[in-house]
Amino acid sequence: MEASHRNRALALAAMFQSAALVKDVAWRGQCDAEQLDTMVRSLFAFEAGTLEDVYGGIIHLRRGLKILLEQIQSPNGQVDGEISRYVISMLYLERKLMKQPGMVQTLRDGIEVAAHQSESFGILHDQVVSRLGQTYQNTISELGPRIIVQGEQNHLGNPHNAARIRALLLAGIRAAVLWRQAGGSRWKLVFGRNAMLAEARFMLEETSEAS
């Protein structure tokens, strides 16, 4: 994975997109199916050559790029605290996860089972999403502290929604792994912030021209 401002911006955008979709499901009981497909599909991109390939092109992270810009360059500091909290938690749990190679292997095994299921049933089939949710419970949830998701209780209590939320959190943590592989760190967020934001703006313009 090339260490570049572009790749770091893309990985961070993927985290923000996952977090925003978690919020959608938790509060509304639904989310954009195409965006959900992008995030779940990224978990199965084991042999992707580039970070863009993981997400099928930057156009599929358009929402994440928008949120990245809104959250980081907000002139008055008014950000979506809920989304930010999820992203910070993803970054923290990714660091804990990578210190436990046995859990990383268990996680990969579970994702591979879901990937095989998706070949028969489709990416967003209930069985596939449920397997990913269960894999998250068996691994990431055991690391602690658990990510506390806010939302409407009737949506959070729905097993299908709960599985989608866990699958999205898993996709966000995968994006956090890509962020590290692209040279991401807390220092890069501070000292490389302007360059990364410039890349995000440029990519957002690219997607506008392509759409």
C-alpha atoms as a PDB file:
ATOM      1  CA  MET A   1       0.000   0.000   0.000  1.00  0.00           C
ATOM      2  CA  GLU A   2       1.581   3.261  -1.142  1.00  0.00           C
ATOM      3  CA  ALA A   3       2.035   5.800   1.657  1.00  0.00           C
ATOM      4  CA  SER A   4       0.472   8.909   0.154  1.00  0.00           C
ATOM      5  CA  HIS A   5      -1.868  11.743   1.101  1.00  0.00           C
ATOM      6  CA  ARG A   6      -4.346  10.440  -1.492  1.00  0.00           C
ATOM      7  CA  ASN A   7      -4.479   6.954   0.008  1.00  0.00           C
ATOM      8  CA  ARG A   8      -4.743   8.308   3.543  1.00  0.00           C
ATOM      9  CA  ALA A   9      -7.608  10.580   2.490  1.00  0.00           C
ATOM     10  CA  LEU A  10      -9.404   7.660   0.829  1.00  0.00           C
ATOM     11  CA  ALA A  11      -8.991   5.372   3.834  1.00  0.00           C
ATOM     12  CA  LEU A  12     -10.210   8.071   6.194  1.00  0.00           C
ATOM     13  CA  ALA A  13     -13.160   8.779   3.891  1.00  0.00           C
ATOM     14  CA  ALA A  14     -14.045   5.077   4.034  1.00  0.00           C
ATOM     15  CA  MET A  15     -14.057   5.235   7.841  1.00  0.00           C
ATOM     16  CA  PHE A  16     -16.317   8.287   7.822  1.00  0.00           C
ATOM     17  CA  GLN A  17     -18.657   6.650   5.299  1.00  0.00           C
ATOM     18  CA  SER A  18     -18.920   3.517   7.444  1.00  0.00           C
ATOM     19  CA  ALA A  19     -19.607   5.624  10.521  1.00  0.00           C
ATOM     20  CA  ALA A  20     -22.302   7.649   8.728  1.00  0.00           C
ATOM     21  CA  LEU A  21     -24.029   4.455   7.568  1.00  0.00           C
ATOM     22  CA  VAL A  22     -23.937   3.083  11.119  1.00  0.00           C
ATOM     23  CA  LYS A  23     -25.697   6.255  12.224  1.00  0.00           C
ATOM     24  CA  ASP A  24     -28.286   5.913   9.441  1.00  0.00           C
ATOM     25  CA  VAL A  25     -29.173   2.337  10.407  1.00  0.00           C
ATOM     26  CA  ALA A  26     -29.214   3.115  14.128  1.00  0.00           C
ATOM     27  CA  TRP A  27     -31.535   6.117  13.865  1.00  0.00           C
ATOM     28  CA  ARG A  28     -33.611   5.338  10.759  1.00  0.00           C
ATOM     29  CA  GLY A  29     -33.418   1.555  10.442  1.00  0.00           C
ATOM     30  CA  GLN A  30     -32.156   1.856   6.875  1.00  0.00           C
ATOM     31  CA  CYS A  31     -29.283   3.178   4.801  1.00  0.00           C
ATOM     32  CA  ASP A  32     -28.236   3.638   1.188  1.00  0.00           C
ATOM     33  CA  ALA A  33     -27.944   0.134  -0.311  1.00  0.00           C
ATOM     34  CA  GLU A  34     -25.210   1.082  -2.801  1.00  0.00           C
ATOM     35  CA  GLN A  35     -23.042   2.623  -0.084  1.00  0.00           C
ATOM     36  CA  LEU A  36     -23.634  -0.399   2.153  1.00  0.00           C
ATOM     37  CA  ASP A  37     -22.659  -2.684  -0.729  1.00  0.00           C
ATOM     38  CA  THR A  38     -19.413  -0.718  -1.194  1.00  0.00           C
ATOM     39  CA  MET A  39     -18.424  -1.070   2.458  1.00  0.00           C
ATOM     40  CA  VAL A  40     -19.321  -4.760   2.767  1.00  0.00           C
ATOM     41  CA  ARG A  41     -17.658  -5.569  -0.568  1.00  0.00           C
ATOM     42  CA  SER A  42     -14.441  -3.905   0.662  1.00  0.00           C
ATOM     43  CA  LEU A  43     -14.126  -6.621   3.294  1.00  0.00           C
ATOM     44  CA  PHE A  44     -13.828  -9.239   0.561  1.00  0.00           C
ATOM     45  CA  ALA A  45     -11.184  -7.378  -1.502  1.00  0.00           C
ATOM     46  CA  PHE A  46      -8.320  -9.566  -0.291  1.00  0.00           C
ATOM     47  CA  GLU A  47      -6.218  -9.255  -3.446  1.00  0.00           C
ATOM     48  CA  ALA A  48      -6.936  -5.647  -4.458  1.00  0.00           C
ATOM     49  CA  GLY A  49      -3.971  -3.991  -6.139  1.00  0.00           C
ATOM     50  CA  THR A  50      -4.666  -0.461  -4.928  1.00  0.00           C
ATOM     51  CA  LEU A  51      -6.714   1.195  -2.243  1.00  0.00           C
ATOM     52  CA  GLU A  52      -9.075   2.526  -4.904  1.00  0.00           C
ATOM     53  CA  ASP A  53      -9.634  -1.038  -6.103  1.00  0.00           C
ATOM     54  CA  VAL A  54     -10.770  -2.031  -2.603  1.00  0.00           C
ATOM     55  CA  TYR A  55     -13.757   0.300  -2.989  1.00  0.00           C
ATOM     56  CA  GLY A  56     -14.347  -0.067  -6.713  1.00  0.00           C
ATOM     57  CA  GLY A  57     -13.172   3.476  -7.447  1.00  0.00           C
ATOM     58  CA  ILE A  58     -13.278   6.762  -5.579  1.00  0.00           C
ATOM     59  CA  ILE A  59     -16.789   7.550  -6.806  1.00  0.00           C
ATOM     60  CA  HIS A  60     -18.108   4.982  -4.322  1.00  0.00           C
ATOM     61  CA  LEU A  61     -16.551   6.959  -1.451  1.00  0.00           C
ATOM     62  CA  ARG A  62     -18.062  10.263  -2.494  1.00  0.00           C
ATOM     63  CA  ARG A  63     -20.177  10.535   0.653  1.00  0.00           C
ATOM     64  CA  GLY A  64     -17.195   9.714   2.852  1.00  0.00           C
ATOM     65  CA  LEU A  65     -15.058  12.360   1.163  1.00  0.00           C
ATOM     66  CA  LYS A  66     -17.761  14.968   1.745  1.00  0.00           C
ATOM     67  CA  ILE A  67     -18.040  14.058   5.414  1.00  0.00           C
ATOM     68  CA  LEU A  68     -14.248  14.033   5.803  1.00  0.00           C
ATOM     69  CA  LEU A  69     -14.100  17.624   4.564  1.00  0.00           C
ATOM     70  CA  GLU A  70     -17.060  18.700   6.689  1.00  0.00           C
ATOM     71  CA  GLN A  71     -15.650  17.130   9.844  1.00  0.00           C
ATOM     72  CA  ILE A  72     -12.034  18.234   9.562  1.00  0.00           C
ATOM     73  CA  GLN A  73     -12.278  21.683   8.001  1.00  0.00           C
ATOM     74  CA  SER A  74     -15.380  22.932   9.817  1.00  0.00           C
ATOM     75  CA  PRO A  75     -14.629  26.664  10.331  1.00  0.00           C
ATOM     76  CA  ASN A  76     -16.554  26.972  13.592  1.00  0.00           C
ATOM     77  CA  GLY A  77     -15.691  23.552  15.006  1.00  0.00           C
ATOM     78  CA  GLN A  78     -19.260  22.285  14.615  1.00  0.00           C
ATOM     79  CA  VAL A  79     -18.787  18.629  13.734  1.00  0.00           C
ATOM     80  CA  ASP A  80     -20.961  15.554  14.031  1.00  0.00           C
ATOM     81  CA  GLY A  81     -19.705  14.230  17.360  1.00  0.00           C
ATOM     82  CA  GLU A  82     -21.414  10.878  16.888  1.00  0.00           C
ATOM     83  CA  ILE A  83     -19.663  10.136  13.597  1.00  0.00           C
ATOM     84  CA  SER A  84     -16.331  11.397  14.939  1.00  0.00           C
ATOM     85  CA  ARG A  85     -16.627   9.163  17.989  1.00  0.00           C
ATOM     86  CA  TYR A  86     -17.185   6.083  15.829  1.00  0.00           C
ATOM     87  CA  VAL A  87     -14.137   6.885  13.684  1.00  0.00           C
ATOM     88  CA  ILE A  88     -11.921   7.469  16.719  1.00  0.00           C
ATOM     89  CA  SER A  89     -13.102   4.144  18.157  1.00  0.00           C
ATOM     90  CA  MET A  90     -12.329   2.366  14.871  1.00  0.00           C
ATOM     91  CA  LEU A  91      -8.777   3.709  14.904  1.00  0.00           C
ATOM     92  CA  TYR A  92      -8.286   2.707  18.532  1.00  0.00           C
ATOM     93  CA  LEU A  93      -9.653  -0.816  18.082  1.00  0.00           C
ATOM     94  CA  GLU A  94      -7.574  -1.336  14.942  1.00  0.00           C
ATOM     95  CA  ARG A  95      -4.403  -0.668  16.945  1.00  0.00           C
ATOM     96  CA  LYS A  96      -5.479  -3.183  19.600  1.00  0.00           C
ATOM     97  CA  LEU A  97      -6.478  -5.755  16.981  1.00  0.00           C
ATOM     98  CA  MET A  98      -3.153  -5.663  15.135  1.00  0.00           C
ATOM     99  CA  LYS A  99      -1.333  -6.582  18.343  1.00  0.00           C
ATOM    100  CA  GLN A 100      -3.208  -9.902  18.417  1.00  0.00           C
ATOM    101  CA  PRO A 101      -2.283 -11.978  15.343  1.00  0.00           C
ATOM    102  CA  GLY A 102      -4.431 -14.896  16.485  1.00  0.00           C
ATOM    103  CA  MET A 103      -7.523 -12.712  16.521  1.00  0.00           C
ATOM    104  CA  VAL A 104      -6.569 -11.233  13.147  1.00  0.00           C
ATOM    105  CA  GLN A 105      -6.538 -14.761  11.693  1.00  0.00           C
ATOM    106  CA  THR A 106      -9.894 -15.603  13.308  1.00  0.00           C
ATOM    107  CA  LEU A 107     -11.288 -12.410  11.824  1.00  0.00           C
ATOM    108  CA  ARG A 108      -9.985 -13.225   8.364  1.00  0.00           C
ATOM    109  CA  ASP A 109     -11.375 -16.773   8.587  1.00  0.00           C
ATOM    110  CA  GLY A 110     -14.842 -15.426   9.409  1.00  0.00           C
ATOM    111  CA  ILE A 111     -14.702 -12.900   6.589  1.00  0.00           C
ATOM    112  CA  GLU A 112     -13.648 -15.610   4.137  1.00  0.00           C
ATOM    113  CA  VAL A 113     -16.681 -17.700   5.119  1.00  0.00           C
ATOM    114  CA  ALA A 114     -18.912 -14.682   4.470  1.00  0.00           C
ATOM    115  CA  ALA A 115     -17.141 -14.083   1.146  1.00  0.00           C
ATOM    116  CA  HIS A 116     -17.917 -17.652   0.038  1.00  0.00           C
ATOM    117  CA  GLN A 117     -21.546 -17.192   1.091  1.00  0.00           C
ATOM    118  CA  SER A 118     -21.754 -13.982  -0.932  1.00  0.00           C
ATOM    119  CA  GLU A 119     -20.824 -15.897  -4.084  1.00  0.00           C
ATOM    120  CA  SER A 120     -24.007 -17.951  -3.704  1.00  0.00           C
ATOM    121  CA  PHE A 121     -26.413 -15.463  -2.148  1.00  0.00           C
ATOM    122  CA  GLY A 122     -25.135 -11.975  -3.007  1.00  0.00           C
ATOM    123  CA  ILE A 123     -23.186  -9.349  -1.093  1.00  0.00           C
ATOM    124  CA  LEU A 124     -26.066  -7.982   1.007  1.00  0.00           C
ATOM    125  CA  HIS A 125     -27.906 -11.235   1.687  1.00  0.00           C
ATOM    126  CA  ASP A 126     -29.006 -11.638   5.306  1.00  0.00           C
ATOM    127  CA  GLN A 127     -26.790 -14.702   5.778  1.00  0.00           C
ATOM    128  CA  VAL A 128     -23.707 -12.839   4.586  1.00  0.00           C
ATOM    129  CA  VAL A 129     -24.319  -9.766   6.725  1.00  0.00           C
ATOM    130  CA  SER A 130     -25.230 -11.956   9.702  1.00  0.00           C
ATOM    131  CA  ARG A 131     -21.953 -13.903   9.348  1.00  0.00           C
ATOM    132  CA  LEU A 132     -19.990 -10.648   9.281  1.00  0.00           C
ATOM    133  CA  GLY A 133     -21.875  -9.401  12.329  1.00  0.00           C
ATOM    134  CA  GLN A 134     -21.145 -12.626  14.187  1.00  0.00           C
ATOM    135  CA  THR A 135     -17.487 -12.417  13.203  1.00  0.00           C
ATOM    136  CA  TYR A 136     -17.354  -8.895  14.628  1.00  0.00           C
ATOM    137  CA  GLN A 137     -18.898 -10.113  17.876  1.00  0.00           C
ATOM    138  CA  ASN A 138     -16.428 -12.990  18.163  1.00  0.00           C
ATOM    139  CA  THR A 139     -13.396 -10.764  17.617  1.00  0.00           C
ATOM    140  CA  ILE A 140     -13.594  -6.974  17.816  1.00  0.00           C
ATOM    141  CA  SER A 141     -16.288  -6.962  20.522  1.00  0.00           C
ATOM    142  CA  GLU A 142     -13.969  -9.068  22.691  1.00  0.00           C
ATOM    143  CA  LEU A 143     -11.173  -6.480  22.511  1.00  0.00           C
ATOM    144  CA  GLY A 144     -12.997  -3.749  24.388  1.00  0.00           C
ATOM    145  CA  PRO A 145     -14.037  -1.152  24.974  1.00  0.00           C
ATOM    146  CA  ARG A 146     -17.095  -1.849  22.847  1.00  0.00           C
ATOM    147  CA  ILE A 147     -18.353   0.859  20.526  1.00  0.00           C
ATOM    148  CA  ILE A 148     -21.591   2.152  22.004  1.00  0.00           C
ATOM    149  CA  VAL A 149     -23.934   2.902  19.121  1.00  0.00           C
ATOM    150  CA  GLN A 150     -26.630   5.510  19.720  1.00  0.00           C
ATOM    151  CA  GLY A 151     -29.989   5.323  17.990  1.00  0.00           C
ATOM    152  CA  GLU A 152     -33.654   4.398  18.217  1.00  0.00           C
ATOM    153  CA  GLN A 153     -34.072   1.333  20.406  1.00  0.00           C
ATOM    154  CA  ASN A 154     -36.557  -0.314  18.070  1.00  0.00           C
ATOM    155  CA  HIS A 155     -33.967  -0.165  15.273  1.00  0.00           C
ATOM    156  CA  LEU A 156     -31.034  -1.191  17.465  1.00  0.00           C
ATOM    157  CA  GLY A 157     -33.026  -4.145  18.810  1.00  0.00           C
ATOM    158  CA  ASN A 158     -33.727  -5.479  15.326  1.00  0.00           C
ATOM    159  CA  PRO A 159     -31.294  -8.399  14.667  1.00  0.00           C
ATOM    160  CA  HIS A 160     -30.941  -7.510  10.978  1.00  0.00           C
ATOM    161  CA  ASN A 161     -30.039  -3.911  11.813  1.00  0.00           C
ATOM    162  CA  ALA A 162     -27.655  -5.036  14.543  1.00  0.00           C
ATOM    163  CA  ALA A 163     -25.848  -7.285  12.033  1.00  0.00           C
ATOM    164  CA  ARG A 164     -25.609  -4.467   9.491  1.00  0.00           C
ATOM    165  CA  ILE A 165     -24.184  -2.109  12.122  1.00  0.00           C
ATOM    166  CA  ARG A 166     -21.533  -4.655  13.148  1.00  0.00           C
ATOM    167  CA  ALA A 167     -20.651  -5.353   9.507  1.00  0.00           C
ATOM    168  CA  LEU A 168     -20.229  -1.621   8.908  1.00  0.00           C
ATOM    169  CA  LEU A 169     -18.061  -1.222  11.996  1.00  0.00           C
ATOM    170  CA  LEU A 170     -15.963  -4.119  10.714  1.00  0.00           C
ATOM    171  CA  ALA A 171     -15.617  -2.359   7.352  1.00  0.00           C
ATOM    172  CA  GLY A 172     -14.597   0.806   9.166  1.00  0.00           C
ATOM    173  CA  ILE A 173     -11.882  -1.053  11.061  1.00  0.00           C
ATOM    174  CA  ARG A 174     -10.685  -2.570   7.762  1.00  0.00           C
ATOM    175  CA  ALA A 175     -10.398   1.006   6.482  1.00  0.00           C
ATOM    176  CA  ALA A 176      -8.410   1.886   9.612  1.00  0.00           C
ATOM    177  CA  VAL A 177      -5.968  -0.926   8.737  1.00  0.00           C
ATOM    178  CA  LEU A 178      -5.608   0.586   5.257  1.00  0.00           C
ATOM    179  CA  TRP A 179      -5.066   4.010   6.842  1.00  0.00           C
ATOM    180  CA  ARG A 180      -2.107   2.659   8.830  1.00  0.00           C
ATOM    181  CA  GLN A 181      -0.730   0.830   5.808  1.00  0.00           C
ATOM    182  CA  ALA A 182      -0.873   4.121   3.867  1.00  0.00           C
ATOM    183  CA  GLY A 183       1.257   5.773   6.559  1.00  0.00           C
ATOM    184  CA  GLY A 184      -1.594   7.178   8.618  1.00  0.00           C
ATOM    185  CA  SER A 185      -1.006   8.258  12.219  1.00  0.00           C
ATOM    186  CA  ARG A 186      -2.120  10.904  14.690  1.00  0.00           C
ATOM    187  CA  TRP A 187       0.849  13.037  13.605  1.00  0.00           C
ATOM    188  CA  LYS A 188      -0.192  12.756   9.976  1.00  0.00           C
ATOM    189  CA  LEU A 189      -3.650  14.050  10.927  1.00  0.00           C
ATOM    190  CA  VAL A 190      -1.992  17.097  12.477  1.00  0.00           C
ATOM    191  CA  PHE A 191       0.927  17.867  10.180  1.00  0.00           C
ATOM    192  CA  GLY A 192      -0.389  16.368   6.954  1.00  0.00           C
ATOM    193  CA  ARG A 193      -3.905  17.699   7.408  1.00  0.00           C
ATOM    194  CA  ASN A 194      -3.860  20.405   4.729  1.00  0.00           C
ATOM    195  CA  ALA A 195      -2.317  18.149   2.076  1.00  0.00           C
ATOM    196  CA  MET A 196      -4.837  15.409   2.852  1.00  0.00           C
ATOM    197  CA  LEU A 197      -7.761  17.840   2.675  1.00  0.00           C
ATOM    198  CA  ALA A 198      -6.483  19.134  -0.657  1.00  0.00           C
ATOM    199  CA  GLU A 199      -6.442  15.557  -1.976  1.00  0.00           C
ATOM    200  CA  ALA A 200      -9.974  14.965  -0.667  1.00  0.00           C
ATOM    201  CA  ARG A 201     -11.234  18.120  -2.405  1.00  0.00           C
ATOM    202  CA  PHE A 202      -9.501  17.115  -5.639  1.00  0.00           C
ATOM    203  CA  MET A 203     -11.004  13.606  -5.547  1.00  0.00           C
ATOM    204  CA  LEU A 204     -14.458  15.008  -4.805  1.00  0.00           C
ATOM    205  CA  GLU A 205     -14.130  17.181  -7.896  1.00  0.00           C
ATOM    206  CA  GLU A 206     -13.061  14.083  -9.868  1.00  0.00           C
ATOM    207  CA  THR A 207     -16.208  12.241  -8.801  1.00  0.00           C
ATOM    208  CA  SER A 208     -18.387  15.248  -9.700  1.00  0.00           C
ATOM    209  CA  GLU A 209     -16.983  15.273 -13.224  1.00  0.00           C
ATOM    210  CA  ALA A 210     -17.480  11.515 -13.554  1.00  0.00           C
ATOM    211  CA  SER A 211     -21.107  11.507 -12.349  1.00  0.00           C
END
